[in-house]
Structures are given as structure tokens and as C-alpha cells.
Amino acid sequence: MKRICTFAAVVTAAAVAAGSAGAATPTLKAFVTDSFKIGVTQGGKPVKSLKAGKYKIVVDDPSTTHNFHITGPGLNKKTSVGDKVKVTWTVTLKKGTYKFVCDPHASFMKGSFTVK
């Protein structure tokens, strides 16, 4: 009986490891536009709240007058004003509030989301 329980435990552990190895890192899309819009979306919907964990943030910054700057617990990343870029950052989001802005227009090009 002990051998069967040990075998079952090994099979269960292998299945869990295989399942987590195949899990894809969730992707967020961040953007700024020449029409003074900024945002972060997931699956085409604006992000309001996320679970803590590892994410890819794909930033689309096609403007020479804006940048995308995100800050939060342990995170401070930005694109440069003047550069047109598409960049991917892999980050670990922790519990707290994350804010994103266009630095030259921070008074009105801004947003935030929470991580629980």
C-alpha cells in the first residue's frame, strides 16, 4: 500500500510540474498615441485590477512627443520621449497600485491599476 501511495504522489507532482511549465506568461499591452491617449489593456480591455505575478508588458510608443512610464512596487520603467519604439518588458507585479503616465503630459495622460 505504501508503494501505491508513493507512486500516486510522484505522478501527481509530475502532473503539477508539467501543467505549470506549460503556462504562458500573461501579456499586457501598453500604448501612447499622437492623439494624447495612454493605456494598458489585456485581451483588448482596459486593465483595472490584476493578480500578482509575472507579466509581459508590450509597449507600443509610435510617437516622438510622448513616452510611456510605469511605476509601482519595485517597478520603474519607461520609454524615451523622441523615440518611436515597440518594446517588451517582462516584470513581476506585486500587490499595490501601479501608475502610468506620459511624462511631458502627466497632468492629463495618466492612468493606474491595482494588483491584488
PDB file of N, CA and C in Angstrom:
ATOM      1  N   MET A   1       0.826  -1.198   0.000  1.00  0.00           N
ATOM      2  CA  MET A   1       0.000   0.000   0.000  1.00  0.00           C
ATOM      3  C   MET A   1       0.864   1.254   0.000  1.00  0.00           C
ATOM      4  N   LYS A   2       1.979   1.208   0.739  1.00  0.00           N
ATOM      5  CA  LYS A   2       2.860   2.366   0.808  1.00  0.00           C
ATOM      6  C   LYS A   2       3.441   2.670  -0.572  1.00  0.00           C
ATOM      7  N   ARG A   3       3.766   1.646  -1.346  1.00  0.00           N
ATOM      8  CA  ARG A   3       4.327   1.830  -2.681  1.00  0.00           C
ATOM      9  C   ARG A   3       3.318   2.505  -3.608  1.00  0.00           C
ATOM     10  N   ILE A   4       2.042   2.155  -3.510  1.00  0.00           N
ATOM     11  CA  ILE A   4       0.994   2.755  -4.339  1.00  0.00           C
ATOM     12  C   ILE A   4       0.836   4.230  -3.994  1.00  0.00           C
ATOM     13  N   CYS A   5       0.841   4.586  -2.710  1.00  0.00           N
ATOM     14  CA  CYS A   5       0.709   5.984  -2.287  1.00  0.00           C
ATOM     15  C   CYS A   5       1.891   6.799  -2.773  1.00  0.00           C
ATOM     16  N   THR A   6       3.102   6.246  -2.684  1.00  0.00           N
ATOM     17  CA  THR A   6       4.287   6.951  -3.149  1.00  0.00           C
ATOM     18  C   THR A   6       4.220   7.167  -4.655  1.00  0.00           C
ATOM     19  N   PHE A   7       3.800   6.152  -5.395  1.00  0.00           N
ATOM     20  CA  PHE A   7       3.663   6.262  -6.845  1.00  0.00           C
ATOM     21  C   PHE A   7       2.635   7.337  -7.202  1.00  0.00           C
ATOM     22  N   ALA A   8       1.516   7.359  -6.496  1.00  0.00           N
ATOM     23  CA  ALA A   8       0.466   8.350  -6.753  1.00  0.00           C
ATOM     24  C   ALA A   8       0.988   9.758  -6.473  1.00  0.00           C
ATOM     25  N   ALA A   9       1.773   9.912  -5.437  1.00  0.00           N
ATOM     26  CA  ALA A   9       2.323  11.223  -5.110  1.00  0.00           C
ATOM     27  C   ALA A   9       3.294  11.687  -6.196  1.00  0.00           C
ATOM     28  N   VAL A  10       4.120  10.779  -6.706  1.00  0.00           N
ATOM     29  CA  VAL A  10       5.066  11.125  -7.762  1.00  0.00           C
ATOM     30  C   VAL A  10       4.333  11.511  -9.034  1.00  0.00           C
ATOM     31  N   VAL A  11       3.295  10.768  -9.406  1.00  0.00           N
ATOM     32  CA  VAL A  11       2.518  11.078 -10.609  1.00  0.00           C
ATOM     33  C   VAL A  11       1.830  12.431 -10.461  1.00  0.00           C
ATOM     34  N   THR A  12       1.265  12.700  -9.306  1.00  0.00           N
ATOM     35  CA  THR A  12       0.600  13.985  -9.061  1.00  0.00           C
ATOM     36  C   THR A  12       1.593  15.132  -9.148  1.00  0.00           C
ATOM     37  N   ALA A  13       2.759  14.990  -8.535  1.00  0.00           N
ATOM     38  CA  ALA A  13       3.780  16.042  -8.576  1.00  0.00           C
ATOM     39  C   ALA A  13       4.241  16.288 -10.008  1.00  0.00           C
ATOM     40  N   ALA A  14       4.399  15.242 -10.792  1.00  0.00           N
ATOM     41  CA  ALA A  14       4.824  15.392 -12.185  1.00  0.00           C
ATOM     42  C   ALA A  14       3.756  16.111 -13.002  1.00  0.00           C
ATOM     43  N   ALA A  15       2.514  15.800 -12.754  1.00  0.00           N
ATOM     44  CA  ALA A  15       1.414  16.449 -13.483  1.00  0.00           C
ATOM     45  C   ALA A  15       1.348  17.928 -13.147  1.00  0.00           C
ATOM     46  N   VAL A  16       1.523  18.277 -11.894  1.00  0.00           N
ATOM     47  CA  VAL A  16       1.508  19.686 -11.473  1.00  0.00           C
ATOM     48  C   VAL A  16       2.671  20.428 -12.115  1.00  0.00           C
ATOM     49  N   ALA A  17       3.858  19.838 -12.088  1.00  0.00           N
ATOM     50  CA  ALA A  17       5.035  20.472 -12.686  1.00  0.00           C
ATOM     51  C   ALA A  17       4.840  20.663 -14.183  1.00  0.00           C
ATOM     52  N   ALA A  18       4.298  19.690 -14.862  1.00  0.00           N
ATOM     53  CA  ALA A  18       4.068  19.797 -16.304  1.00  0.00           C
ATOM     54  C   ALA A  18       3.045  20.877 -16.609  1.00  0.00           C
ATOM     55  N   GLY A  19       2.016  20.974 -15.798  1.00  0.00           N
ATOM     56  CA  GLY A  19       0.988  21.996 -16.007  1.00  0.00           C
ATOM     57  C   GLY A  19       1.533  23.390 -15.826  1.00  0.00           C
ATOM     58  N   SER A  20       2.369  23.615 -14.812  1.00  0.00           N
ATOM     59  CA  SER A  20       2.887  24.953 -14.595  1.00  0.00           C
ATOM     60  C   SER A  20       3.990  25.292 -15.579  1.00  0.00           C
ATOM     61  N   ALA A  21       4.702  24.277 -16.098  1.00  0.00           N
ATOM     62  CA  ALA A  21       5.744  24.536 -17.076  1.00  0.00           C
ATOM     63  C   ALA A  21       5.139  25.025 -18.386  1.00  0.00           C
ATOM     64  N   GLY A  22       3.936  24.589 -18.709  1.00  0.00           N
ATOM     65  CA  GLY A  22       3.303  24.969 -19.957  1.00  0.00           C
ATOM     66  C   GLY A  22       2.504  26.252 -19.877  1.00  0.00           C
ATOM     67  N   ALA A  23       2.353  26.812 -18.690  1.00  0.00           N
ATOM     68  CA  ALA A  23       1.557  28.021 -18.532  1.00  0.00           C
ATOM     69  C   ALA A  23       2.296  29.213 -19.138  1.00  0.00           C
ATOM     70  N   ALA A  24       1.621  29.938 -20.006  1.00  0.00           N
ATOM     71  CA  ALA A  24       2.219  31.098 -20.660  1.00  0.00           C
ATOM     72  C   ALA A  24       2.167  32.314 -19.741  1.00  0.00           C
ATOM     73  N   THR A  25       3.150  33.176 -19.875  1.00  0.00           N
ATOM     74  CA  THR A  25       3.162  34.424 -19.127  1.00  0.00           C
ATOM     75  C   THR A  25       2.098  35.343 -19.721  1.00  0.00           C
ATOM     76  N   PRO A  26       1.179  35.857 -18.894  1.00  0.00           N
ATOM     77  CA  PRO A  26       0.143  36.765 -19.419  1.00  0.00           C
ATOM     78  C   PRO A  26       0.765  38.020 -20.036  1.00  0.00           C
ATOM     79  N   THR A  27       0.138  38.513 -21.090  1.00  0.00           N
ATOM     80  CA  THR A  27       0.640  39.694 -21.792  1.00  0.00           C
ATOM     81  C   THR A  27      -0.302  40.871 -21.606  1.00  0.00           C
ATOM     82  N   LEU A  28       0.294  42.010 -21.263  1.00  0.00           N
ATOM     83  CA  LEU A  28      -0.424  43.280 -21.188  1.00  0.00           C
ATOM     84  C   LEU A  28       0.064  44.133 -22.354  1.00  0.00           C
ATOM     85  N   LYS A  29      -0.832  44.928 -22.924  1.00  0.00           N
ATOM     86  CA  LYS A  29      -0.444  45.842 -23.991  1.00  0.00           C
ATOM     87  C   LYS A  29      -0.543  47.269 -23.461  1.00  0.00           C
ATOM     88  N   ALA A  30       0.558  47.999 -23.579  1.00  0.00           N
ATOM     89  CA  ALA A  30       0.611  49.390 -23.142  1.00  0.00           C
ATOM     90  C   ALA A  30       0.806  50.265 -24.380  1.00  0.00           C
ATOM     91  N   PHE A  31       0.187  51.437 -24.376  1.00  0.00           N
ATOM     92  CA  PHE A  31       0.271  52.280 -25.567  1.00  0.00           C
ATOM     93  C   PHE A  31       0.197  53.759 -25.216  1.00  0.00           C
ATOM     94  N   VAL A  32       0.772  54.561 -26.098  1.00  0.00           N
ATOM     95  CA  VAL A  32       0.571  56.013 -26.133  1.00  0.00           C
ATOM     96  C   VAL A  32       0.315  56.350 -27.592  1.00  0.00           C
ATOM     97  N   THR A  33      -0.458  57.395 -27.835  1.00  0.00           N
ATOM     98  CA  THR A  33      -0.755  57.775 -29.214  1.00  0.00           C
ATOM     99  C   THR A  33      -0.540  59.267 -29.417  1.00  0.00           C
ATOM    100  N   ASP A  34      -0.397  59.644 -30.684  1.00  0.00           N
ATOM    101  CA  ASP A  34      -0.265  61.061 -31.015  1.00  0.00           C
ATOM    102  C   ASP A  34      -1.530  61.850 -30.703  1.00  0.00           C
ATOM    103  N   SER A  35      -2.647  61.144 -30.509  1.00  0.00           N
ATOM    104  CA  SER A  35      -3.895  61.821 -30.150  1.00  0.00           C
ATOM    105  C   SER A  35      -4.071  61.903 -28.631  1.00  0.00           C
ATOM    106  N   PHE A  36      -2.951  61.862 -27.893  1.00  0.00           N
ATOM    107  CA  PHE A  36      -2.917  62.076 -26.447  1.00  0.00           C
ATOM    108  C   PHE A  36      -3.691  61.024 -25.652  1.00  0.00           C
ATOM    109  N   LYS A  37      -3.601  59.771 -26.082  1.00  0.00           N
ATOM    110  CA  LYS A  37      -4.219  58.668 -25.343  1.00  0.00           C
ATOM    111  C   LYS A  37      -3.107  57.777 -24.790  1.00  0.00           C
ATOM    112  N   ILE A  38      -3.369  57.200 -23.623  1.00  0.00           N
ATOM    113  CA  ILE A  38      -2.425  56.295 -22.975  1.00  0.00           C
ATOM    114  C   ILE A  38      -3.243  55.215 -22.280  1.00  0.00           C
ATOM    115  N   GLY A  39      -2.714  54.010 -22.217  1.00  0.00           N
ATOM    116  CA  GLY A  39      -3.466  52.962 -21.539  1.00  0.00           C
ATOM    117  C   GLY A  39      -2.709  51.653 -21.430  1.00  0.00           C
ATOM    118  N   VAL A  40      -3.312  50.755 -20.661  1.00  0.00           N
ATOM    119  CA  VAL A  40      -2.827  49.384 -20.523  1.00  0.00           C
ATOM    120  C   VAL A  40      -4.038  48.481 -20.683  1.00  0.00           C
ATOM    121  N   THR A  41      -3.931  47.506 -21.587  1.00  0.00           N
ATOM    122  CA  THR A  41      -5.040  46.601 -21.837  1.00  0.00           C
ATOM    123  C   THR A  41      -4.582  45.149 -21.718  1.00  0.00           C
ATOM    124  N   GLN A  42      -5.566  44.290 -21.515  1.00  0.00           N
ATOM    125  CA  GLN A  42      -5.339  42.845 -21.554  1.00  0.00           C
ATOM    126  C   GLN A  42      -6.534  42.245 -22.272  1.00  0.00           C
ATOM    127  N   GLY A  43      -6.276  41.522 -23.344  1.00  0.00           N
ATOM    128  CA  GLY A  43      -7.366  40.955 -24.130  1.00  0.00           C
ATOM    129  C   GLY A  43      -8.266  42.021 -24.721  1.00  0.00           C
ATOM    130  N   GLY A  44      -7.709  43.200 -25.002  1.00  0.00           N
ATOM    131  CA  GLY A  44      -8.476  44.277 -25.605  1.00  0.00           C
ATOM    132  C   GLY A  44      -9.277  45.129 -24.633  1.00  0.00           C
ATOM    133  N   LYS A  45      -9.233  44.800 -23.348  1.00  0.00           N
ATOM    134  CA  LYS A  45      -9.992  45.557 -22.335  1.00  0.00           C
ATOM    135  C   LYS A  45      -9.043  46.314 -21.418  1.00  0.00           C
ATOM    136  N   PRO A  46      -9.424  47.530 -21.015  1.00  0.00           N
ATOM    137  CA  PRO A  46      -8.577  48.282 -20.087  1.00  0.00           C
ATOM    138  C   PRO A  46      -8.339  47.508 -18.788  1.00  0.00           C
ATOM    139  N   VAL A  47      -7.112  47.556 -18.306  1.00  0.00           N
ATOM    140  CA  VAL A  47      -6.754  46.871 -17.062  1.00  0.00           C
ATOM    141  C   VAL A  47      -7.143  47.746 -15.882  1.00  0.00           C
ATOM    142  N   LYS A  48      -7.899  47.178 -14.961  1.00  0.00           N
ATOM    143  CA  LYS A  48      -8.277  47.858 -13.716  1.00  0.00           C
ATOM    144  C   LYS A  48      -7.635  47.160 -12.520  1.00  0.00           C
ATOM    145  N   SER A  49      -7.592  45.811 -12.580  1.00  0.00           N
ATOM    146  CA  SER A  49      -7.079  45.017 -11.468  1.00  0.00           C
ATOM    147  C   SER A  49      -6.465  43.727 -12.025  1.00  0.00           C
ATOM    148  N   LEU A  50      -5.358  43.310 -11.429  1.00  0.00           N
ATOM    149  CA  LEU A  50      -4.668  42.095 -11.833  1.00  0.00           C
ATOM    150  C   LEU A  50      -4.267  41.297 -10.598  1.00  0.00           C
ATOM    151  N   LYS A  51      -3.972  40.030 -10.812  1.00  0.00           N
ATOM    152  CA  LYS A  51      -3.385  39.203  -9.758  1.00  0.00           C
ATOM    153  C   LYS A  51      -1.877  39.426  -9.776  1.00  0.00           C
ATOM    154  N   ALA A  52      -1.262  39.346  -8.607  1.00  0.00           N
ATOM    155  CA  ALA A  52       0.187  39.477  -8.526  1.00  0.00           C
ATOM    156  C   ALA A  52       0.835  38.356  -9.324  1.00  0.00           C
ATOM    157  N   GLY A  53       1.983  38.640  -9.925  1.00  0.00           N
ATOM    158  CA  GLY A  53       2.704  37.622 -10.668  1.00  0.00           C
ATOM    159  C   GLY A  53       3.517  38.194 -11.807  1.00  0.00           C
ATOM    160  N   LYS A  54       4.029  37.294 -12.632  1.00  0.00           N
ATOM    161  CA  LYS A  54       4.884  37.648 -13.750  1.00  0.00           C
ATOM    162  C   LYS A  54       4.029  37.977 -14.982  1.00  0.00           C
ATOM    163  N   TYR A  55       4.383  39.075 -15.666  1.00  0.00           N
ATOM    164  CA  TYR A  55       3.672  39.518 -16.862  1.00  0.00           C
ATOM    165  C   TYR A  55       4.663  40.005 -17.905  1.00  0.00           C
ATOM    166  N   LYS A  56       4.245  39.954 -19.163  1.00  0.00           N
ATOM    167  CA  LYS A  56       4.948  40.636 -20.239  1.00  0.00           C
ATOM    168  C   LYS A  56       4.153  41.896 -20.529  1.00  0.00           C
ATOM    169  N   ILE A  57       4.843  43.017 -20.605  1.00  0.00           N
ATOM    170  CA  ILE A  57       4.203  44.270 -20.999  1.00  0.00           C
ATOM    171  C   ILE A  57       4.778  44.652 -22.358  1.00  0.00           C
ATOM    172  N   VAL A  58       3.928  44.640 -23.380  1.00  0.00           N
ATOM    173  CA  VAL A  58       4.334  45.028 -24.729  1.00  0.00           C
ATOM    174  C   VAL A  58       3.941  46.494 -24.902  1.00  0.00           C
ATOM    175  N   VAL A  59       4.939  47.353 -25.008  1.00  0.00           N
ATOM    176  CA  VAL A  59       4.703  48.799 -25.103  1.00  0.00           C
ATOM    177  C   VAL A  59       4.810  49.228 -26.557  1.00  0.00           C
ATOM    178  N   ASP A  60       3.769  49.895 -27.034  1.00  0.00           N
ATOM    179  CA  ASP A  60       3.754  50.464 -28.386  1.00  0.00           C
ATOM    180  C   ASP A  60       3.784  51.981 -28.244  1.00  0.00           C
ATOM    181  N   ASP A  61       4.931  52.571 -28.560  1.00  0.00           N
ATOM    182  CA  ASP A  61       5.126  54.014 -28.435  1.00  0.00           C
ATOM    183  C   ASP A  61       5.590  54.562 -29.791  1.00  0.00           C
ATOM    184  N   PRO A  62       4.626  54.864 -30.688  1.00  0.00           N
ATOM    185  CA  PRO A  62       4.981  55.323 -32.031  1.00  0.00           C
ATOM    186  C   PRO A  62       5.131  56.839 -32.146  1.00  0.00           C
ATOM    187  N   SER A  63       5.230  57.528 -31.022  1.00  0.00           N
ATOM    188  CA  SER A  63       5.225  58.983 -31.031  1.00  0.00           C
ATOM    189  C   SER A  63       6.580  59.560 -30.617  1.00  0.00           C
ATOM    190  N   THR A  64       6.945  60.673 -31.222  1.00  0.00           N
ATOM    191  CA  THR A  64       8.176  61.367 -30.824  1.00  0.00           C
ATOM    192  C   THR A  64       7.905  62.454 -29.786  1.00  0.00           C
ATOM    193  N   THR A  65       6.637  62.640 -29.409  1.00  0.00           N
ATOM    194  CA  THR A  65       6.311  63.677 -28.421  1.00  0.00           C
ATOM    195  C   THR A  65       5.828  63.104 -27.094  1.00  0.00           C
ATOM    196  N   HIS A  66       5.741  61.796 -27.004  1.00  0.00           N
ATOM    197  CA  HIS A  66       5.249  61.142 -25.791  1.00  0.00           C
ATOM    198  C   HIS A  66       6.219  60.044 -25.350  1.00  0.00           C
ATOM    199  N   ASN A  67       5.984  59.538 -24.147  1.00  0.00           N
ATOM    200  CA  ASN A  67       6.645  58.326 -23.689  1.00  0.00           C
ATOM    201  C   ASN A  67       5.659  57.544 -22.840  1.00  0.00           C
ATOM    202  N   PHE A  68       6.013  56.327 -22.490  1.00  0.00           N
ATOM    203  CA  PHE A  68       5.209  55.504 -21.589  1.00  0.00           C
ATOM    204  C   PHE A  68       6.074  55.216 -20.385  1.00  0.00           C
ATOM    205  N   HIS A  69       5.591  55.607 -19.194  1.00  0.00           N
ATOM    206  CA  HIS A  69       6.346  55.467 -17.946  1.00  0.00           C
ATOM    207  C   HIS A  69       5.445  54.802 -16.915  1.00  0.00           C
ATOM    208  N   ILE A  70       5.862  53.632 -16.417  1.00  0.00           N
ATOM    209  CA  ILE A  70       5.082  52.907 -15.418  1.00  0.00           C
ATOM    210  C   ILE A  70       5.889  52.762 -14.137  1.00  0.00           C
ATOM    211  N   THR A  71       5.216  53.021 -13.012  1.00  0.00           N
ATOM    212  CA  THR A  71       5.839  52.871 -11.700  1.00  0.00           C
ATOM    213  C   THR A  71       4.886  52.144 -10.763  1.00  0.00           C
ATOM    214  N   GLY A  72       5.469  51.484  -9.787  1.00  0.00           N
ATOM    215  CA  GLY A  72       4.702  50.763  -8.779  1.00  0.00           C
ATOM    216  C   GLY A  72       5.679  50.041  -7.877  1.00  0.00           C
ATOM    217  N   PRO A  73       5.184  49.196  -6.977  1.00  0.00           N
ATOM    218  CA  PRO A  73       6.070  48.491  -6.047  1.00  0.00           C
ATOM    219  C   PRO A  73       7.191  47.728  -6.775  1.00  0.00           C
ATOM    220  N   GLY A  74       8.411  48.242  -6.660  1.00  0.00           N
ATOM    221  CA  GLY A  74       9.568  47.601  -7.267  1.00  0.00           C
ATOM    222  C   GLY A  74       9.681  47.773  -8.772  1.00  0.00           C
ATOM    223  N   LEU A  75       8.901  48.668  -9.380  1.00  0.00           N
ATOM    224  CA  LEU A  75       8.915  48.835 -10.833  1.00  0.00           C
ATOM    225  C   LEU A  75       9.015  50.304 -11.220  1.00  0.00           C
ATOM    226  N   ASN A  76       9.921  50.606 -12.126  1.00  0.00           N
ATOM    227  CA  ASN A  76      10.067  51.949 -12.681  1.00  0.00           C
ATOM    228  C   ASN A  76      10.680  51.791 -14.072  1.00  0.00           C
ATOM    229  N   LYS A  77       9.817  51.726 -15.094  1.00  0.00           N
ATOM    230  CA  LYS A  77      10.278  51.513 -16.470  1.00  0.00           C
ATOM    231  C   LYS A  77       9.652  52.571 -17.361  1.00  0.00           C
ATOM    232  N   LYS A  78      10.429  52.986 -18.391  1.00  0.00           N
ATOM    233  CA  LYS A  78       9.887  53.978 -19.313  1.00  0.00           C
ATOM    234  C   LYS A  78      10.568  53.910 -20.662  1.00  0.00           C
ATOM    235  N   THR A  79       9.837  54.409 -21.662  1.00  0.00           N
ATOM    236  CA  THR A  79      10.412  54.631 -22.972  1.00  0.00           C
ATOM    237  C   THR A  79      10.884  56.078 -23.007  1.00  0.00           C
ATOM    238  N   SER A  80      11.640  56.424 -24.024  1.00  0.00           N
ATOM    239  CA  SER A  80      12.188  57.774 -24.125  1.00  0.00           C
ATOM    240  C   SER A  80      11.311  58.666 -24.991  1.00  0.00           C
ATOM    241  N   VAL A  81      11.160  59.915 -24.571  1.00  0.00           N
ATOM    242  CA  VAL A  81      10.493  60.903 -25.410  1.00  0.00           C
ATOM    243  C   VAL A  81      11.402  61.113 -26.629  1.00  0.00           C
ATOM    244  N   GLY A  82      10.821  61.154 -27.799  1.00  0.00           N
ATOM    245  CA  GLY A  82      11.605  61.357 -29.010  1.00  0.00           C
ATOM    246  C   GLY A  82      11.872  60.074 -29.773  1.00  0.00           C
ATOM    247  N   ASP A  83      11.762  58.927 -29.112  1.00  0.00           N
ATOM    248  CA  ASP A  83      11.992  57.647 -29.776  1.00  0.00           C
ATOM    249  C   ASP A  83      10.668  56.964 -30.096  1.00  0.00           C
ATOM    250  N   LYS A  84      10.580  56.412 -31.280  1.00  0.00           N
ATOM    251  CA  LYS A  84       9.448  55.567 -31.656  1.00  0.00           C
ATOM    252  C   LYS A  84       9.887  54.133 -31.392  1.00  0.00           C
ATOM    253  N   VAL A  85       9.211  53.462 -30.436  1.00  0.00           N
ATOM    254  CA  VAL A  85       9.651  52.113 -30.067  1.00  0.00           C
ATOM    255  C   VAL A  85       8.486  51.175 -29.833  1.00  0.00           C
ATOM    256  N   LYS A  86       8.782  49.911 -30.005  1.00  0.00           N
ATOM    257  CA  LYS A  86       7.900  48.838 -29.552  1.00  0.00           C
ATOM    258  C   LYS A  86       8.823  47.915 -28.771  1.00  0.00           C
ATOM    259  N   VAL A  87       8.575  47.800 -27.480  1.00  0.00           N
ATOM    260  CA  VAL A  87       9.465  47.069 -26.591  1.00  0.00           C
ATOM    261  C   VAL A  87       8.644  46.141 -25.702  1.00  0.00           C
ATOM    262  N   THR A  88       9.246  45.040 -25.286  1.00  0.00           N
ATOM    263  CA  THR A  88       8.591  44.109 -24.366  1.00  0.00           C
ATOM    264  C   THR A  88       9.398  44.034 -23.083  1.00  0.00           C
ATOM    265  N   TRP A  89       8.722  44.275 -21.980  1.00  0.00           N
ATOM    266  CA  TRP A  89       9.337  44.149 -20.657  1.00  0.00           C
ATOM    267  C   TRP A  89       8.710  42.945 -19.961  1.00  0.00           C
ATOM    268  N   THR A  90       9.509  42.105 -19.351  1.00  0.00           N
ATOM    269  CA  THR A  90       8.994  41.036 -18.501  1.00  0.00           C
ATOM    270  C   THR A  90       9.168  41.504 -17.064  1.00  0.00           C
ATOM    271  N   VAL A  91       8.063  41.584 -16.336  1.00  0.00           N
ATOM    272  CA  VAL A  91       8.070  42.162 -14.990  1.00  0.00           C
ATOM    273  C   VAL A  91       7.325  41.253 -14.022  1.00  0.00           C
ATOM    274  N   THR A  92       7.610  41.424 -12.748  1.00  0.00           N
ATOM    275  CA  THR A  92       6.843  40.768 -11.696  1.00  0.00           C
ATOM    276  C   THR A  92       6.070  41.847 -10.963  1.00  0.00           C
ATOM    277  N   LEU A  93       4.746  41.795 -11.074  1.00  0.00           N
ATOM    278  CA  LEU A  93       3.894  42.773 -10.410  1.00  0.00           C
ATOM    279  C   LEU A  93       3.542  42.271  -9.017  1.00  0.00           C
ATOM    280  N   LYS A  94       3.758  43.143  -8.033  1.00  0.00           N
ATOM    281  CA  LYS A  94       3.471  42.827  -6.638  1.00  0.00           C
ATOM    282  C   LYS A  94       2.202  43.560  -6.214  1.00  0.00           C
ATOM    283  N   LYS A  95       1.663  43.180  -5.074  1.00  0.00           N
ATOM    284  CA  LYS A  95       0.456  43.843  -4.573  1.00  0.00           C
ATOM    285  C   LYS A  95       0.712  45.335  -4.426  1.00  0.00           C
ATOM    286  N   GLY A  96      -0.274  46.131  -4.878  1.00  0.00           N
ATOM    287  CA  GLY A  96      -0.168  47.577  -4.772  1.00  0.00           C
ATOM    288  C   GLY A  96      -0.781  48.274  -5.968  1.00  0.00           C
ATOM    289  N   THR A  97      -0.512  49.562  -6.075  1.00  0.00           N
ATOM    290  CA  THR A  97      -1.029  50.388  -7.158  1.00  0.00           C
ATOM    291  C   THR A  97       0.092  50.712  -8.135  1.00  0.00           C
ATOM    292  N   TYR A  98      -0.201  50.564  -9.398  1.00  0.00           N
ATOM    293  CA  TYR A  98       0.738  50.895 -10.468  1.00  0.00           C
ATOM    294  C   TYR A  98       0.173  52.063 -11.248  1.00  0.00           C
ATOM    295  N   LYS A  99       1.032  53.058 -11.498  1.00  0.00           N
ATOM    296  CA  LYS A  99       0.620  54.249 -12.229  1.00  0.00           C
ATOM    297  C   LYS A  99       1.413  54.333 -13.526  1.00  0.00           C
ATOM    298  N   PHE A 100       0.760  54.796 -14.576  1.00  0.00           N
ATOM    299  CA  PHE A 100       1.452  55.014 -15.840  1.00  0.00           C
ATOM    300  C   PHE A 100       1.106  56.404 -16.353  1.00  0.00           C
ATOM    301  N   VAL A 101       2.111  57.044 -16.961  1.00  0.00           N
ATOM    302  CA  VAL A 101       1.956  58.417 -17.451  1.00  0.00           C
ATOM    303  C   VAL A 101       2.795  58.610 -18.709  1.00  0.00           C
ATOM    304  N   CYS A 102       2.472  59.668 -19.409  1.00  0.00           N
ATOM    305  CA  CYS A 102       3.367  60.248 -20.402  1.00  0.00           C
ATOM    306  C   CYS A 102       4.036  61.397 -19.654  1.00  0.00           C
ATOM    307  N   ASP A 103       5.325  61.324 -19.433  1.00  0.00           N
ATOM    308  CA  ASP A 103       5.985  62.330 -18.592  1.00  0.00           C
ATOM    309  C   ASP A 103       5.767  63.772 -19.033  1.00  0.00           C
ATOM    310  N   PRO A 104       5.871  64.114 -20.334  1.00  0.00           N
ATOM    311  CA  PRO A 104       5.648  65.513 -20.716  1.00  0.00           C
ATOM    312  C   PRO A 104       4.205  65.991 -20.537  1.00  0.00           C
ATOM    313  N   HIS A 105       3.251  65.059 -20.461  1.00  0.00           N
ATOM    314  CA  HIS A 105       1.837  65.422 -20.355  1.00  0.00           C
ATOM    315  C   HIS A 105       1.176  64.713 -19.171  1.00  0.00           C
ATOM    316  N   ALA A 106       1.910  64.598 -18.072  1.00  0.00           N
ATOM    317  CA  ALA A 106       1.471  63.796 -16.923  1.00  0.00           C
ATOM    318  C   ALA A 106       0.201  64.303 -16.261  1.00  0.00           C
ATOM    319  N   SER A 107      -0.140  65.573 -16.460  1.00  0.00           N
ATOM    320  CA  SER A 107      -1.340  66.099 -15.801  1.00  0.00           C
ATOM    321  C   SER A 107      -2.626  65.521 -16.398  1.00  0.00           C
ATOM    322  N   PHE A 108      -2.573  65.057 -17.666  1.00  0.00           N
ATOM    323  CA  PHE A 108      -3.803  64.523 -18.263  1.00  0.00           C
ATOM    324  C   PHE A 108      -3.609  63.191 -19.000  1.00  0.00           C
ATOM    325  N   MET A 109      -2.378  62.797 -19.287  1.00  0.00           N
ATOM    326  CA  MET A 109      -2.133  61.486 -19.907  1.00  0.00           C
ATOM    327  C   MET A 109      -1.623  60.551 -18.816  1.00  0.00           C
ATOM    328  N   LYS A 110      -2.574  59.935 -18.123  1.00  0.00           N
ATOM    329  CA  LYS A 110      -2.208  59.093 -16.982  1.00  0.00           C
ATOM    330  C   LYS A 110      -3.270  58.052 -16.731  1.00  0.00           C
ATOM    331  N   GLY A 111      -2.908  57.057 -15.947  1.00  0.00           N
ATOM    332  CA  GLY A 111      -3.839  56.011 -15.564  1.00  0.00           C
ATOM    333  C   GLY A 111      -3.211  55.155 -14.470  1.00  0.00           C
ATOM    334  N   SER A 112      -3.986  54.193 -13.991  1.00  0.00           N
ATOM    335  CA  SER A 112      -3.468  53.314 -12.937  1.00  0.00           C
ATOM    336  C   SER A 112      -4.270  52.018 -12.907  1.00  0.00           C
ATOM    337  N   PHE A 113      -3.709  51.036 -12.227  1.00  0.00           N
ATOM    338  CA  PHE A 113      -4.410  49.784 -11.952  1.00  0.00           C
ATOM    339  C   PHE A 113      -3.861  49.223 -10.654  1.00  0.00           C
ATOM    340  N   THR A 114      -4.618  48.322 -10.050  1.00  0.00           N
ATOM    341  CA  THR A 114      -4.183  47.714  -8.798  1.00  0.00           C
ATOM    342  C   THR A 114      -3.823  46.257  -9.015  1.00  0.00           C
ATOM    343  N   VAL A 115      -2.930  45.775  -8.185  1.00  0.00           N
ATOM    344  CA  VAL A 115      -2.541  44.370  -8.195  1.00  0.00           C
ATOM    345  C   VAL A 115      -2.860  43.816  -6.824  1.00  0.00           C
ATOM    346  N   LYS A 116      -3.586  42.684  -6.818  1.00  0.00           N
ATOM    347  CA  LYS A 116      -4.037  42.082  -5.555  1.00  0.00           C
ATOM    348  C   LYS A 116      -3.324  40.773  -5.311  1.00  0.00           C
TER     349      LYS A 116
END
